Amino acid sequence: MAQSHEDVVSLVETIVLSLVDDADAVSLDDYVESDGLHIDITVSEDEVGKVIGRQGRVIKAIRLMARAAASQYGSNVEVEVMG
């Protein structure tokens, strides 16, 4: 994985870890496809709401920051939350 992808994954991980109480239950799976980087966030069921936020505002903000960071390197990124 390129350094740029590692930076974006690290950014998303830092944000998610700051939102949840149980950091041990957080895992990020990242993979690169032809359309760009994909990051799947897995958290405990009790804390999915903290990552998604009211009306999806928190996950939208995470996606916005990840896309901004990835665009610096000319890449695309998709972020999904898995329960």
PDB file of N, CA and C in Angstrom:
ATOM      1  N   MET A   1       0.849  -1.177   0.000  1.00  0.00           N
ATOM      2  CA  MET A   1       0.000   0.000   0.000  1.00  0.00           C
ATOM      3  C   MET A   1       0.891   1.235   0.000  1.00  0.00           C
ATOM      4  N   ALA A   2       0.545   2.209  -0.770  1.00  0.00           N
ATOM      5  CA  ALA A   2       1.328   3.441  -0.862  1.00  0.00           C
ATOM      6  C   ALA A   2       1.193   4.259   0.419  1.00  0.00           C
ATOM      7  N   GLN A   3       2.189   5.085   0.635  1.00  0.00           N
ATOM      8  CA  GLN A   3       2.191   5.940   1.829  1.00  0.00           C
ATOM      9  C   GLN A   3       0.929   6.799   1.887  1.00  0.00           C
ATOM     10  N   SER A   4       0.457   7.275   0.747  1.00  0.00           N
ATOM     11  CA  SER A   4      -0.740   8.111   0.722  1.00  0.00           C
ATOM     12  C   SER A   4      -1.948   7.365   1.288  1.00  0.00           C
ATOM     13  N   HIS A   5      -2.082   6.098   0.926  1.00  0.00           N
ATOM     14  CA  HIS A   5      -3.202   5.311   1.437  1.00  0.00           C
ATOM     15  C   HIS A   5      -3.055   5.074   2.935  1.00  0.00           C
ATOM     16  N   GLU A   6      -1.849   4.843   3.377  1.00  0.00           N
ATOM     17  CA  GLU A   6      -1.610   4.657   4.811  1.00  0.00           C
ATOM     18  C   GLU A   6      -1.984   5.913   5.591  1.00  0.00           C
ATOM     19  N   ASP A   7      -1.695   7.077   5.024  1.00  0.00           N
ATOM     20  CA  ASP A   7      -2.042   8.333   5.685  1.00  0.00           C
ATOM     21  C   ASP A   7      -3.546   8.496   5.834  1.00  0.00           C
ATOM     22  N   VAL A   8      -4.289   8.160   4.791  1.00  0.00           N
ATOM     23  CA  VAL A   8      -5.749   8.290   4.827  1.00  0.00           C
ATOM     24  C   VAL A   8      -6.342   7.298   5.825  1.00  0.00           C
ATOM     25  N   VAL A   9      -5.870   6.067   5.811  1.00  0.00           N
ATOM     26  CA  VAL A   9      -6.353   5.054   6.748  1.00  0.00           C
ATOM     27  C   VAL A   9      -6.041   5.478   8.182  1.00  0.00           C
ATOM     28  N   SER A  10      -4.853   6.002   8.399  1.00  0.00           N
ATOM     29  CA  SER A  10      -4.456   6.465   9.730  1.00  0.00           C
ATOM     30  C   SER A  10      -5.351   7.619  10.204  1.00  0.00           C
ATOM     31  N   LEU A  11      -5.695   8.526   9.301  1.00  0.00           N
ATOM     32  CA  LEU A  11      -6.591   9.634   9.641  1.00  0.00           C
ATOM     33  C   LEU A  11      -7.953   9.103  10.076  1.00  0.00           C
ATOM     34  N   VAL A  12      -8.525   8.210   9.296  1.00  0.00           N
ATOM     35  CA  VAL A  12      -9.842   7.643   9.621  1.00  0.00           C
ATOM     36  C   VAL A  12      -9.780   6.891  10.947  1.00  0.00           C
ATOM     37  N   GLU A  13      -8.721   6.120  11.148  1.00  0.00           N
ATOM     38  CA  GLU A  13      -8.580   5.366  12.386  1.00  0.00           C
ATOM     39  C   GLU A  13      -8.495   6.297  13.600  1.00  0.00           C
ATOM     40  N   THR A  14      -7.739   7.356  13.486  1.00  0.00           N
ATOM     41  CA  THR A  14      -7.604   8.315  14.586  1.00  0.00           C
ATOM     42  C   THR A  14      -8.947   8.936  14.940  1.00  0.00           C
ATOM     43  N   ILE A  15      -9.714   9.305  13.933  1.00  0.00           N
ATOM     44  CA  ILE A  15     -11.024   9.916  14.168  1.00  0.00           C
ATOM     45  C   ILE A  15     -11.963   8.923  14.845  1.00  0.00           C
ATOM     46  N   VAL A  16     -12.028   7.704  14.317  1.00  0.00           N
ATOM     47  CA  VAL A  16     -12.945   6.697  14.861  1.00  0.00           C
ATOM     48  C   VAL A  16     -12.568   6.346  16.301  1.00  0.00           C
ATOM     49  N   LEU A  17     -11.282   6.167  16.567  1.00  0.00           N
ATOM     50  CA  LEU A  17     -10.850   5.824  17.922  1.00  0.00           C
ATOM     51  C   LEU A  17     -11.192   6.922  18.922  1.00  0.00           C
ATOM     52  N   SER A  18     -11.213   8.171  18.467  1.00  0.00           N
ATOM     53  CA  SER A  18     -11.563   9.256  19.377  1.00  0.00           C
ATOM     54  C   SER A  18     -13.058   9.305  19.675  1.00  0.00           C
ATOM     55  N   LEU A  19     -13.864   8.652  18.846  1.00  0.00           N
ATOM     56  CA  LEU A  19     -15.316   8.670  19.020  1.00  0.00           C
ATOM     57  C   LEU A  19     -15.852   7.556  19.916  1.00  0.00           C
ATOM     58  N   VAL A  20     -15.187   6.407  19.924  1.00  0.00           N
ATOM     59  CA  VAL A  20     -15.714   5.233  20.620  1.00  0.00           C
ATOM     60  C   VAL A  20     -15.090   5.066  22.003  1.00  0.00           C
ATOM     61  N   ASP A  21     -15.797   4.321  22.858  1.00  0.00           N
ATOM     62  CA  ASP A  21     -15.296   4.028  24.200  1.00  0.00           C
ATOM     63  C   ASP A  21     -14.413   2.785  24.206  1.00  0.00           C
ATOM     64  N   ASP A  22     -14.766   1.795  23.385  1.00  0.00           N
ATOM     65  CA  ASP A  22     -14.043   0.531  23.349  1.00  0.00           C
ATOM     66  C   ASP A  22     -13.135   0.477  22.122  1.00  0.00           C
ATOM     67  N   ALA A  23     -11.935   1.017  22.263  1.00  0.00           N
ATOM     68  CA  ALA A  23     -11.001   1.092  21.136  1.00  0.00           C
ATOM     69  C   ALA A  23     -10.563  -0.291  20.673  1.00  0.00           C
ATOM     70  N   ASP A  24     -10.606  -1.275  21.567  1.00  0.00           N
ATOM     71  CA  ASP A  24     -10.187  -2.635  21.200  1.00  0.00           C
ATOM     72  C   ASP A  24     -11.166  -3.285  20.227  1.00  0.00           C
ATOM     73  N   ALA A  25     -12.390  -2.811  20.189  1.00  0.00           N
ATOM     74  CA  ALA A  25     -13.401  -3.394  19.308  1.00  0.00           C
ATOM     75  C   ALA A  25     -13.397  -2.761  17.918  1.00  0.00           C
ATOM     76  N   VAL A  26     -12.496  -1.824  17.678  1.00  0.00           N
ATOM     77  CA  VAL A  26     -12.429  -1.136  16.388  1.00  0.00           C
ATOM     78  C   VAL A  26     -11.431  -1.837  15.484  1.00  0.00           C
ATOM     79  N   SER A  27     -11.850  -2.094  14.257  1.00  0.00           N
ATOM     80  CA  SER A  27     -10.904  -2.589  13.262  1.00  0.00           C
ATOM     81  C   SER A  27     -11.215  -1.926  11.924  1.00  0.00           C
ATOM     82  N   LEU A  28     -10.164  -1.657  11.181  1.00  0.00           N
ATOM     83  CA  LEU A  28     -10.309  -1.067   9.856  1.00  0.00           C
ATOM     84  C   LEU A  28      -9.716  -2.026   8.841  1.00  0.00           C
ATOM     85  N   ASP A  29     -10.487  -2.317   7.816  1.00  0.00           N
ATOM     86  CA  ASP A  29     -10.003  -3.132   6.705  1.00  0.00           C
ATOM     87  C   ASP A  29      -9.930  -2.217   5.493  1.00  0.00           C
ATOM     88  N   ASP A  30      -8.756  -2.161   4.884  1.00  0.00           N
ATOM     89  CA  ASP A  30      -8.610  -1.305   3.714  1.00  0.00           C
ATOM     90  C   ASP A  30      -8.088  -2.125   2.544  1.00  0.00           C
ATOM     91  N   TYR A  31      -8.559  -1.783   1.370  1.00  0.00           N
ATOM     92  CA  TYR A  31      -8.115  -2.456   0.155  1.00  0.00           C
ATOM     93  C   TYR A  31      -8.251  -1.482  -1.007  1.00  0.00           C
ATOM     94  N   VAL A  32      -7.437  -1.701  -2.008  1.00  0.00           N
ATOM     95  CA  VAL A  32      -7.421  -0.820  -3.173  1.00  0.00           C
ATOM     96  C   VAL A  32      -8.024  -1.566  -4.350  1.00  0.00           C
ATOM     97  N   GLU A  33      -8.951  -0.900  -5.011  1.00  0.00           N
ATOM     98  CA  GLU A  33      -9.549  -1.424  -6.237  1.00  0.00           C
ATOM     99  C   GLU A  33      -9.316  -0.404  -7.343  1.00  0.00           C
ATOM    100  N   SER A  34      -9.816  -0.692  -8.501  1.00  0.00           N
ATOM    101  CA  SER A  34      -9.590   0.194  -9.642  1.00  0.00           C
ATOM    102  C   SER A  34     -10.172   1.590  -9.427  1.00  0.00           C
ATOM    103  N   ASP A  35     -11.227   1.681  -8.631  1.00  0.00           N
ATOM    104  CA  ASP A  35     -11.853   2.986  -8.391  1.00  0.00           C
ATOM    105  C   ASP A  35     -11.296   3.709  -7.173  1.00  0.00           C
ATOM    106  N   GLY A  36     -10.306   3.144  -6.506  1.00  0.00           N
ATOM    107  CA  GLY A  36      -9.669   3.827  -5.386  1.00  0.00           C
ATOM    108  C   GLY A  36      -9.612   2.990  -4.129  1.00  0.00           C
ATOM    109  N   LEU A  37      -9.328   3.667  -3.037  1.00  0.00           N
ATOM    110  CA  LEU A  37      -9.175   3.034  -1.727  1.00  0.00           C
ATOM    111  C   LEU A  37     -10.537   2.840  -1.073  1.00  0.00           C
ATOM    112  N   HIS A  38     -10.734   1.684  -0.458  1.00  0.00           N
ATOM    113  CA  HIS A  38     -11.951   1.394   0.291  1.00  0.00           C
ATOM    114  C   HIS A  38     -11.554   1.115   1.738  1.00  0.00           C
ATOM    115  N   ILE A  39     -12.269   1.730   2.670  1.00  0.00           N
ATOM    116  CA  ILE A  39     -12.016   1.513   4.091  1.00  0.00           C
ATOM    117  C   ILE A  39     -13.320   1.057   4.739  1.00  0.00           C
ATOM    118  N   ASP A  40     -13.293  -0.125   5.340  1.00  0.00           N
ATOM    119  CA  ASP A  40     -14.447  -0.653   6.069  1.00  0.00           C
ATOM    120  C   ASP A  40     -14.144  -0.549   7.559  1.00  0.00           C
ATOM    121  N   ILE A  41     -14.994   0.163   8.283  1.00  0.00           N
ATOM    122  CA  ILE A  41     -14.829   0.347   9.723  1.00  0.00           C
ATOM    123  C   ILE A  41     -15.743  -0.633  10.434  1.00  0.00           C
ATOM    124  N   THR A  42     -15.184  -1.417  11.341  1.00  0.00           N
ATOM    125  CA  THR A  42     -15.981  -2.327  12.152  1.00  0.00           C
ATOM    126  C   THR A  42     -15.858  -1.902  13.606  1.00  0.00           C
ATOM    127  N   VAL A  43     -17.007  -1.674  14.246  1.00  0.00           N
ATOM    128  CA  VAL A  43     -17.049  -1.327  15.666  1.00  0.00           C
ATOM    129  C   VAL A  43     -18.100  -2.200  16.334  1.00  0.00           C
ATOM    130  N   SER A  44     -18.122  -2.205  17.661  1.00  0.00           N
ATOM    131  CA  SER A  44     -19.138  -2.994  18.360  1.00  0.00           C
ATOM    132  C   SER A  44     -20.518  -2.405  18.062  1.00  0.00           C
ATOM    133  N   GLU A  45     -21.524  -3.246  18.120  1.00  0.00           N
ATOM    134  CA  GLU A  45     -22.887  -2.818  17.788  1.00  0.00           C
ATOM    135  C   GLU A  45     -23.356  -1.658  18.657  1.00  0.00           C
ATOM    136  N   ASP A  46     -22.880  -1.622  19.897  1.00  0.00           N
ATOM    137  CA  ASP A  46     -23.285  -0.555  20.813  1.00  0.00           C
ATOM    138  C   ASP A  46     -22.756   0.805  20.382  1.00  0.00           C
ATOM    139  N   GLU A  47     -21.689   0.817  19.596  1.00  0.00           N
ATOM    140  CA  GLU A  47     -21.046   2.089  19.273  1.00  0.00           C
ATOM    141  C   GLU A  47     -21.169   2.500  17.809  1.00  0.00           C
ATOM    142  N   VAL A  48     -21.942   1.758  17.048  1.00  0.00           N
ATOM    143  CA  VAL A  48     -22.155   2.114  15.649  1.00  0.00           C
ATOM    144  C   VAL A  48     -22.777   3.502  15.549  1.00  0.00           C
ATOM    145  N   GLY A  49     -23.702   3.795  16.437  1.00  0.00           N
ATOM    146  CA  GLY A  49     -24.370   5.090  16.429  1.00  0.00           C
ATOM    147  C   GLY A  49     -23.428   6.253  16.640  1.00  0.00           C
ATOM    148  N   LYS A  50     -22.384   6.046  17.419  1.00  0.00           N
ATOM    149  CA  LYS A  50     -21.404   7.115  17.657  1.00  0.00           C
ATOM    150  C   LYS A  50     -20.619   7.428  16.393  1.00  0.00           C
ATOM    151  N   VAL A  51     -20.364   6.415  15.598  1.00  0.00           N
ATOM    152  CA  VAL A  51     -19.597   6.617  14.372  1.00  0.00           C
ATOM    153  C   VAL A  51     -20.485   7.170  13.260  1.00  0.00           C
ATOM    154  N   ILE A  52     -21.742   6.774  13.245  1.00  0.00           N
ATOM    155  CA  ILE A  52     -22.654   7.263  12.217  1.00  0.00           C
ATOM    156  C   ILE A  52     -23.186   8.652  12.572  1.00  0.00           C
ATOM    157  N   GLY A  53     -23.571   8.843  13.825  1.00  0.00           N
ATOM    158  CA  GLY A  53     -24.084  10.146  14.253  1.00  0.00           C
ATOM    159  C   GLY A  53     -25.537  10.340  13.878  1.00  0.00           C
ATOM    160  N   ARG A  54     -26.101  11.420  14.387  1.00  0.00           N
ATOM    161  CA  ARG A  54     -27.499  11.743  14.077  1.00  0.00           C
ATOM    162  C   ARG A  54     -27.620  12.110  12.610  1.00  0.00           C
ATOM    163  N   GLN A  55     -28.565  11.464  11.948  1.00  0.00           N
ATOM    164  CA  GLN A  55     -28.819  11.656  10.525  1.00  0.00           C
ATOM    165  C   GLN A  55     -27.557  11.466   9.689  1.00  0.00           C
ATOM    166  N   GLY A  56     -26.597  10.670  10.200  1.00  0.00           N
ATOM    167  CA  GLY A  56     -25.390  10.355   9.443  1.00  0.00           C
ATOM    168  C   GLY A  56     -24.366  11.462   9.364  1.00  0.00           C
ATOM    169  N   ARG A  57     -24.491  12.451  10.219  1.00  0.00           N
ATOM    170  CA  ARG A  57     -23.589  13.610  10.130  1.00  0.00           C
ATOM    171  C   ARG A  57     -22.138  13.267  10.433  1.00  0.00           C
ATOM    172  N   VAL A  58     -21.895  12.393  11.400  1.00  0.00           N
ATOM    173  CA  VAL A  58     -20.520  12.064  11.774  1.00  0.00           C
ATOM    174  C   VAL A  58     -19.829  11.286  10.656  1.00  0.00           C
ATOM    175  N   ILE A  59     -20.485  10.270  10.118  1.00  0.00           N
ATOM    176  CA  ILE A  59     -19.860   9.493   9.048  1.00  0.00           C
ATOM    177  C   ILE A  59     -19.691  10.343   7.798  1.00  0.00           C
ATOM    178  N   LYS A  60     -20.603  11.258   7.544  1.00  0.00           N
ATOM    179  CA  LYS A  60     -20.447  12.162   6.404  1.00  0.00           C
ATOM    180  C   LYS A  60     -19.208  13.031   6.578  1.00  0.00           C
ATOM    181  N   ALA A  61     -18.979  13.497   7.795  1.00  0.00           N
ATOM    182  CA  ALA A  61     -17.791  14.318   8.072  1.00  0.00           C
ATOM    183  C   ALA A  61     -16.515  13.490   7.932  1.00  0.00           C
ATOM    184  N   ILE A  62     -16.549  12.246   8.408  1.00  0.00           N
ATOM    185  CA  ILE A  62     -15.382  11.360   8.267  1.00  0.00           C
ATOM    186  C   ILE A  62     -15.090  11.128   6.791  1.00  0.00           C
ATOM    187  N   ARG A  63     -16.130  10.864   6.013  1.00  0.00           N
ATOM    188  CA  ARG A  63     -15.944  10.648   4.572  1.00  0.00           C
ATOM    189  C   ARG A  63     -15.384  11.885   3.896  1.00  0.00           C
ATOM    190  N   LEU A  64     -15.891  13.054   4.291  1.00  0.00           N
ATOM    191  CA  LEU A  64     -15.420  14.310   3.712  1.00  0.00           C
ATOM    192  C   LEU A  64     -13.928  14.515   3.989  1.00  0.00           C
ATOM    193  N   MET A  65     -13.505  14.277   5.228  1.00  0.00           N
ATOM    194  CA  MET A  65     -12.091  14.447   5.571  1.00  0.00           C
ATOM    195  C   MET A  65     -11.220  13.417   4.862  1.00  0.00           C
ATOM    196  N   ALA A  66     -11.702  12.184   4.771  1.00  0.00           N
ATOM    197  CA  ALA A  66     -10.932  11.135   4.084  1.00  0.00           C
ATOM    198  C   ALA A  66     -10.787  11.470   2.603  1.00  0.00           C
ATOM    199  N   ARG A  67     -11.860  11.938   1.986  1.00  0.00           N
ATOM    200  CA  ARG A  67     -11.797  12.290   0.560  1.00  0.00           C
ATOM    201  C   ARG A  67     -10.870  13.478   0.332  1.00  0.00           C
ATOM    202  N   ALA A  68     -10.909  14.442   1.244  1.00  0.00           N
ATOM    203  CA  ALA A  68     -10.014  15.593   1.120  1.00  0.00           C
ATOM    204  C   ALA A  68      -8.560  15.159   1.233  1.00  0.00           C
ATOM    205  N   ALA A  69      -8.272  14.266   2.175  1.00  0.00           N
ATOM    206  CA  ALA A  69      -6.902  13.775   2.345  1.00  0.00           C
ATOM    207  C   ALA A  69      -6.470  12.964   1.131  1.00  0.00           C
ATOM    208  N   ALA A  70      -7.355  12.125   0.604  1.00  0.00           N
ATOM    209  CA  ALA A  70      -7.019  11.290  -0.547  1.00  0.00           C
ATOM    210  C   ALA A  70      -6.840  12.130  -1.809  1.00  0.00           C
ATOM    211  N   SER A  71      -7.606  13.195  -1.935  1.00  0.00           N
ATOM    212  CA  SER A  71      -7.501  14.031  -3.133  1.00  0.00           C
ATOM    213  C   SER A  71      -6.143  14.718  -3.207  1.00  0.00           C
ATOM    214  N   GLN A  72      -5.503  14.889  -2.086  1.00  0.00           N
ATOM    215  CA  GLN A  72      -4.157  15.450  -2.044  1.00  0.00           C
ATOM    216  C   GLN A  72      -3.195  14.590  -2.858  1.00  0.00           C
ATOM    217  N   TYR A  73      -3.471  13.294  -2.896  1.00  0.00           N
ATOM    218  CA  TYR A  73      -2.623  12.348  -3.603  1.00  0.00           C
ATOM    219  C   TYR A  73      -3.223  11.927  -4.939  1.00  0.00           C
ATOM    220  N   GLY A  74      -4.305  12.568  -5.335  1.00  0.00           N
ATOM    221  CA  GLY A  74      -4.951  12.232  -6.593  1.00  0.00           C
ATOM    222  C   GLY A  74      -5.670  10.900  -6.554  1.00  0.00           C
ATOM    223  N   SER A  75      -6.199  10.536  -5.395  1.00  0.00           N
ATOM    224  CA  SER A  75      -6.854   9.242  -5.216  1.00  0.00           C
ATOM    225  C   SER A  75      -8.286   9.439  -4.735  1.00  0.00           C
ATOM    226  N   ASN A  76      -9.098   8.400  -4.888  1.00  0.00           N
ATOM    227  CA  ASN A  76     -10.464   8.394  -4.363  1.00  0.00           C
ATOM    228  C   ASN A  76     -10.524   7.465  -3.170  1.00  0.00           C
ATOM    229  N   VAL A  77     -11.496   7.705  -2.267  1.00  0.00           N
ATOM    230  CA  VAL A  77     -11.661   6.835  -1.113  1.00  0.00           C
ATOM    231  C   VAL A  77     -13.145   6.694  -0.791  1.00  0.00           C
ATOM    232  N   GLU A  78     -13.525   5.510  -0.375  1.00  0.00           N
ATOM    233  CA  GLU A  78     -14.882   5.224   0.099  1.00  0.00           C
ATOM    234  C   GLU A  78     -14.772   4.663   1.501  1.00  0.00           C
ATOM    235  N   VAL A  79     -15.599   5.179   2.413  1.00  0.00           N
ATOM    236  CA  VAL A  79     -15.575   4.746   3.806  1.00  0.00           C
ATOM    237  C   VAL A  79     -16.952   4.181   4.152  1.00  0.00           C
ATOM    238  N   GLU A  80     -16.976   2.970   4.698  1.00  0.00           N
ATOM    239  CA  GLU A  80     -18.213   2.314   5.104  1.00  0.00           C
ATOM    240  C   GLU A  80     -18.120   1.838   6.534  1.00  0.00           C
ATOM    241  N   VAL A  81     -19.254   1.866   7.240  1.00  0.00           N
ATOM    242  CA  VAL A  81     -19.304   1.374   8.624  1.00  0.00           C
ATOM    243  C   VAL A  81     -19.992   0.013   8.611  1.00  0.00           C
ATOM    244  N   MET A  82     -19.332  -0.966   9.208  1.00  0.00           N
ATOM    245  CA  MET A  82     -19.889  -2.301   9.342  1.00  0.00           C
ATOM    246  C   MET A  82     -20.269  -2.484  10.816  1.00  0.00           C
ATOM    247  N   GLY A  83     -21.470  -2.968  11.069  1.00  0.00           N
ATOM    248  CA  GLY A  83     -21.933  -3.123  12.436  1.00  0.00           C
ATOM    249  C   GLY A  83     -21.327  -4.260  13.169  1.00  0.00           C
TER     250      GLY A  83
END
